[in-house]
Amino acid sequence: MGLGNLLNLYRIQKLYSHFRKGVDNPTLFKTKEYWLEFFKIAWSITEVKEIMGWLQGYKTYIIAALTAALTLAHSLGYIDEATYQTLLALLGAGGLSTVAAKIARIQVDVDTKLGRVK
């Protein structure tokens, strides 16, 4: 087992113990500092970075599927109107950001092929 694997194992254990602190003291789940530390630890784990890399071409499709599931849940009466509108706005903003990122990547690709990259 290499040093990188040991560090990653340590980070996973650290994330688990941080989560257990929140389970043992539920008021921590309401604090911003707890969640900032949680995501900071989670982002340092290699597998999380690999998953985010794998999602590179699928984020728009995932948001579209979540929007469809949200609409279905709302039409079946599981979600009230206010919650539906709030979640739909968040998913819409996420969808726009993924499209904007894709357009920026396409522009970089075009500039690279045309030799306009500095």
C-alpha atoms as a PDB file:
ATOM      1  CA  MET A   1       0.000   0.000   0.000  1.00  0.00           C
ATOM      2  CA  GLY A   2       1.509   3.277  -1.112  1.00  0.00           C
ATOM      3  CA  LEU A   3       1.708   6.524   0.789  1.00  0.00           C
ATOM      4  CA  GLY A   4      -1.074   8.014  -1.352  1.00  0.00           C
ATOM      5  CA  ASN A   5      -3.417   5.182  -0.407  1.00  0.00           C
ATOM      6  CA  LEU A   6      -2.596   5.600   3.281  1.00  0.00           C
ATOM      7  CA  LEU A   7      -3.290   9.333   3.100  1.00  0.00           C
ATOM      8  CA  ASN A   8      -6.574   8.671   1.344  1.00  0.00           C
ATOM      9  CA  LEU A   9      -7.560   6.084   3.956  1.00  0.00           C
ATOM     10  CA  TYR A  10      -6.741   8.620   6.683  1.00  0.00           C
ATOM     11  CA  ARG A  11      -8.953  11.218   4.966  1.00  0.00           C
ATOM     12  CA  ILE A  12     -11.862   8.757   4.716  1.00  0.00           C
ATOM     13  CA  GLN A  13     -11.512   7.945   8.420  1.00  0.00           C
ATOM     14  CA  LYS A  14     -11.353  11.662   9.219  1.00  0.00           C
ATOM     15  CA  LEU A  15     -14.546  12.286   7.226  1.00  0.00           C
ATOM     16  CA  TYR A  16     -16.297   9.441   9.024  1.00  0.00           C
ATOM     17  CA  SER A  17     -15.282  10.694  12.466  1.00  0.00           C
ATOM     18  CA  HIS A  18     -16.390  14.219  11.522  1.00  0.00           C
ATOM     19  CA  PHE A  19     -19.768  12.824  10.454  1.00  0.00           C
ATOM     20  CA  ARG A  20     -20.049  10.845  13.704  1.00  0.00           C
ATOM     21  CA  LYS A  21     -19.455  14.073  15.660  1.00  0.00           C
ATOM     22  CA  GLY A  22     -22.508  15.492  13.935  1.00  0.00           C
ATOM     23  CA  VAL A  23     -24.577  12.383  14.631  1.00  0.00           C
ATOM     24  CA  ASP A  24     -23.616  12.500  18.304  1.00  0.00           C
ATOM     25  CA  ASN A  25     -24.385  16.221  18.497  1.00  0.00           C
ATOM     26  CA  PRO A  26     -27.212  17.006  15.988  1.00  0.00           C
ATOM     27  CA  THR A  27     -26.987  20.751  16.603  1.00  0.00           C
ATOM     28  CA  LEU A  28     -23.711  20.702  14.640  1.00  0.00           C
ATOM     29  CA  PHE A  29     -25.661  19.818  11.483  1.00  0.00           C
ATOM     30  CA  LYS A  30     -27.168  23.306  11.615  1.00  0.00           C
ATOM     31  CA  THR A  31     -23.852  25.154  11.635  1.00  0.00           C
ATOM     32  CA  LYS A  32     -22.141  26.480   8.547  1.00  0.00           C
ATOM     33  CA  GLU A  33     -18.676  25.690   9.925  1.00  0.00           C
ATOM     34  CA  TYR A  34     -19.527  21.994  10.320  1.00  0.00           C
ATOM     35  CA  TRP A  35     -20.575  21.672   6.679  1.00  0.00           C
ATOM     36  CA  LEU A  36     -17.636  23.696   5.356  1.00  0.00           C
ATOM     37  CA  GLU A  37     -15.244  21.371   7.174  1.00  0.00           C
ATOM     38  CA  PHE A  38     -17.215  18.309   6.032  1.00  0.00           C
ATOM     39  CA  PHE A  39     -17.000  19.268   2.343  1.00  0.00           C
ATOM     40  CA  LYS A  40     -13.369  20.331   2.691  1.00  0.00           C
ATOM     41  CA  ILE A  41     -12.492  16.870   4.013  1.00  0.00           C
ATOM     42  CA  ALA A  42     -14.705  15.118   1.444  1.00  0.00           C
ATOM     43  CA  TRP A  43     -13.121  17.011  -1.468  1.00  0.00           C
ATOM     44  CA  SER A  44      -9.647  15.873  -0.396  1.00  0.00           C
ATOM     45  CA  ILE A  45     -10.593  12.208  -0.882  1.00  0.00           C
ATOM     46  CA  THR A  46      -9.334  10.802  -4.187  1.00  0.00           C
ATOM     47  CA  GLU A  47     -12.502   8.826  -4.949  1.00  0.00           C
ATOM     48  CA  VAL A  48     -14.637  11.962  -4.673  1.00  0.00           C
ATOM     49  CA  LYS A  49     -12.391  13.711  -7.192  1.00  0.00           C
ATOM     50  CA  GLU A  50     -12.656  10.704  -9.506  1.00  0.00           C
ATOM     51  CA  ILE A  51     -16.450  10.715  -9.251  1.00  0.00           C
ATOM     52  CA  MET A  52     -16.553  14.424 -10.044  1.00  0.00           C
ATOM     53  CA  GLY A  53     -14.308  13.775 -13.049  1.00  0.00           C
ATOM     54  CA  TRP A  54     -16.624  11.001 -14.191  1.00  0.00           C
ATOM     55  CA  LEU A  55     -19.604  13.355 -13.956  1.00  0.00           C
ATOM     56  CA  GLN A  56     -17.886  15.800 -16.321  1.00  0.00           C
ATOM     57  CA  GLY A  57     -20.116  15.057 -19.308  1.00  0.00           C
ATOM     58  CA  TYR A  58     -23.272  14.048 -17.461  1.00  0.00           C
ATOM     59  CA  LYS A  59     -24.174  16.911 -15.134  1.00  0.00           C
ATOM     60  CA  THR A  60     -26.743  18.424 -17.512  1.00  0.00           C
ATOM     61  CA  TYR A  61     -28.440  15.053 -17.981  1.00  0.00           C
ATOM     62  CA  ILE A  62     -28.503  14.452 -14.232  1.00  0.00           C
ATOM     63  CA  ILE A  63     -30.110  17.836 -13.641  1.00  0.00           C
ATOM     64  CA  ALA A  64     -32.685  17.105 -16.362  1.00  0.00           C
ATOM     65  CA  ALA A  65     -33.517  13.752 -14.744  1.00  0.00           C
ATOM     66  CA  LEU A  66     -33.811  15.381 -11.307  1.00  0.00           C
ATOM     67  CA  THR A  67     -36.126  18.015 -12.782  1.00  0.00           C
ATOM     68  CA  ALA A  68     -38.312  15.297 -14.299  1.00  0.00           C
ATOM     69  CA  ALA A  69     -38.409  13.406 -10.980  1.00  0.00           C
ATOM     70  CA  LEU A  70     -39.249  16.618  -9.129  1.00  0.00           C
ATOM     71  CA  THR A  71     -42.102  17.361 -11.536  1.00  0.00           C
ATOM     72  CA  LEU A  72     -43.433  13.829 -11.153  1.00  0.00           C
ATOM     73  CA  ALA A  73     -43.300  14.053  -7.352  1.00  0.00           C
ATOM     74  CA  HIS A  74     -45.120  17.394  -7.479  1.00  0.00           C
ATOM     75  CA  SER A  75     -47.803  16.145  -9.846  1.00  0.00           C
ATOM     76  CA  LEU A  76     -48.414  13.127  -7.593  1.00  0.00           C
ATOM     77  CA  GLY A  77     -48.823  15.420  -4.593  1.00  0.00           C
ATOM     78  CA  TYR A  78     -45.691  14.486  -2.643  1.00  0.00           C
ATOM     79  CA  ILE A  79     -44.245  18.009  -2.799  1.00  0.00           C
ATOM     80  CA  ASP A  80     -46.129  21.241  -2.110  1.00  0.00           C
ATOM     81  CA  GLU A  81     -46.065  24.187  -4.526  1.00  0.00           C
ATOM     82  CA  ALA A  82     -43.591  26.354  -2.590  1.00  0.00           C
ATOM     83  CA  THR A  83     -41.048  23.543  -2.248  1.00  0.00           C
ATOM     84  CA  TYR A  84     -41.523  22.626  -5.904  1.00  0.00           C
ATOM     85  CA  GLN A  85     -40.894  26.185  -7.085  1.00  0.00           C
ATOM     86  CA  THR A  86     -37.805  26.560  -4.886  1.00  0.00           C
ATOM     87  CA  LEU A  87     -36.241  23.273  -5.995  1.00  0.00           C
ATOM     88  CA  LEU A  88     -37.137  23.946  -9.628  1.00  0.00           C
ATOM     89  CA  ALA A  89     -35.384  27.328  -9.445  1.00  0.00           C
ATOM     90  CA  LEU A  90     -32.263  25.702  -7.976  1.00  0.00           C
ATOM     91  CA  LEU A  91     -32.234  22.991 -10.638  1.00  0.00           C
ATOM     92  CA  GLY A  92     -32.807  25.607 -13.341  1.00  0.00           C
ATOM     93  CA  ALA A  93     -29.814  27.611 -12.100  1.00  0.00           C
ATOM     94  CA  GLY A  94     -27.726  24.427 -12.043  1.00  0.00           C
ATOM     95  CA  GLY A  95     -28.806  23.593 -15.579  1.00  0.00           C
ATOM     96  CA  LEU A  96     -27.875  27.058 -16.824  1.00  0.00           C
ATOM     97  CA  SER A  97     -24.469  26.858 -15.164  1.00  0.00           C
ATOM     98  CA  THR A  98     -23.717  23.493 -16.794  1.00  0.00           C
ATOM     99  CA  VAL A  99     -24.693  24.859 -20.218  1.00  0.00           C
ATOM    100  CA  ALA A 100     -22.545  27.960 -19.662  1.00  0.00           C
ATOM    101  CA  ALA A 101     -19.574  25.786 -18.666  1.00  0.00           C
ATOM    102  CA  LYS A 102     -20.022  23.631 -21.773  1.00  0.00           C
ATOM    103  CA  ILE A 103     -20.121  26.707 -24.016  1.00  0.00           C
ATOM    104  CA  ALA A 104     -16.900  27.965 -22.397  1.00  0.00           C
ATOM    105  CA  ARG A 105     -15.212  24.564 -22.985  1.00  0.00           C
ATOM    106  CA  ILE A 106     -16.331  24.570 -26.625  1.00  0.00           C
ATOM    107  CA  GLN A 107     -14.916  28.076 -27.074  1.00  0.00           C
ATOM    108  CA  VAL A 108     -11.568  26.983 -25.618  1.00  0.00           C
ATOM    109  CA  ASP A 109     -11.536  23.962 -27.947  1.00  0.00           C
ATOM    110  CA  VAL A 110     -12.271  26.154 -30.972  1.00  0.00           C
ATOM    111  CA  ASP A 111      -9.617  28.688 -29.993  1.00  0.00           C
ATOM    112  CA  THR A 112      -7.094  25.860 -29.517  1.00  0.00           C
ATOM    113  CA  LYS A 113      -7.833  24.364 -32.937  1.00  0.00           C
ATOM    114  CA  LEU A 114      -7.592  27.750 -34.623  1.00  0.00           C
ATOM    115  CA  GLY A 115      -4.360  28.599 -32.826  1.00  0.00           C
ATOM    116  CA  ARG A 116      -5.777  31.577 -30.939  1.00  0.00           C
ATOM    117  CA  VAL A 117      -4.673  30.340 -27.506  1.00  0.00           C
ATOM    118  CA  LYS A 118      -2.135  32.575 -25.790  1.00  0.00           C
END
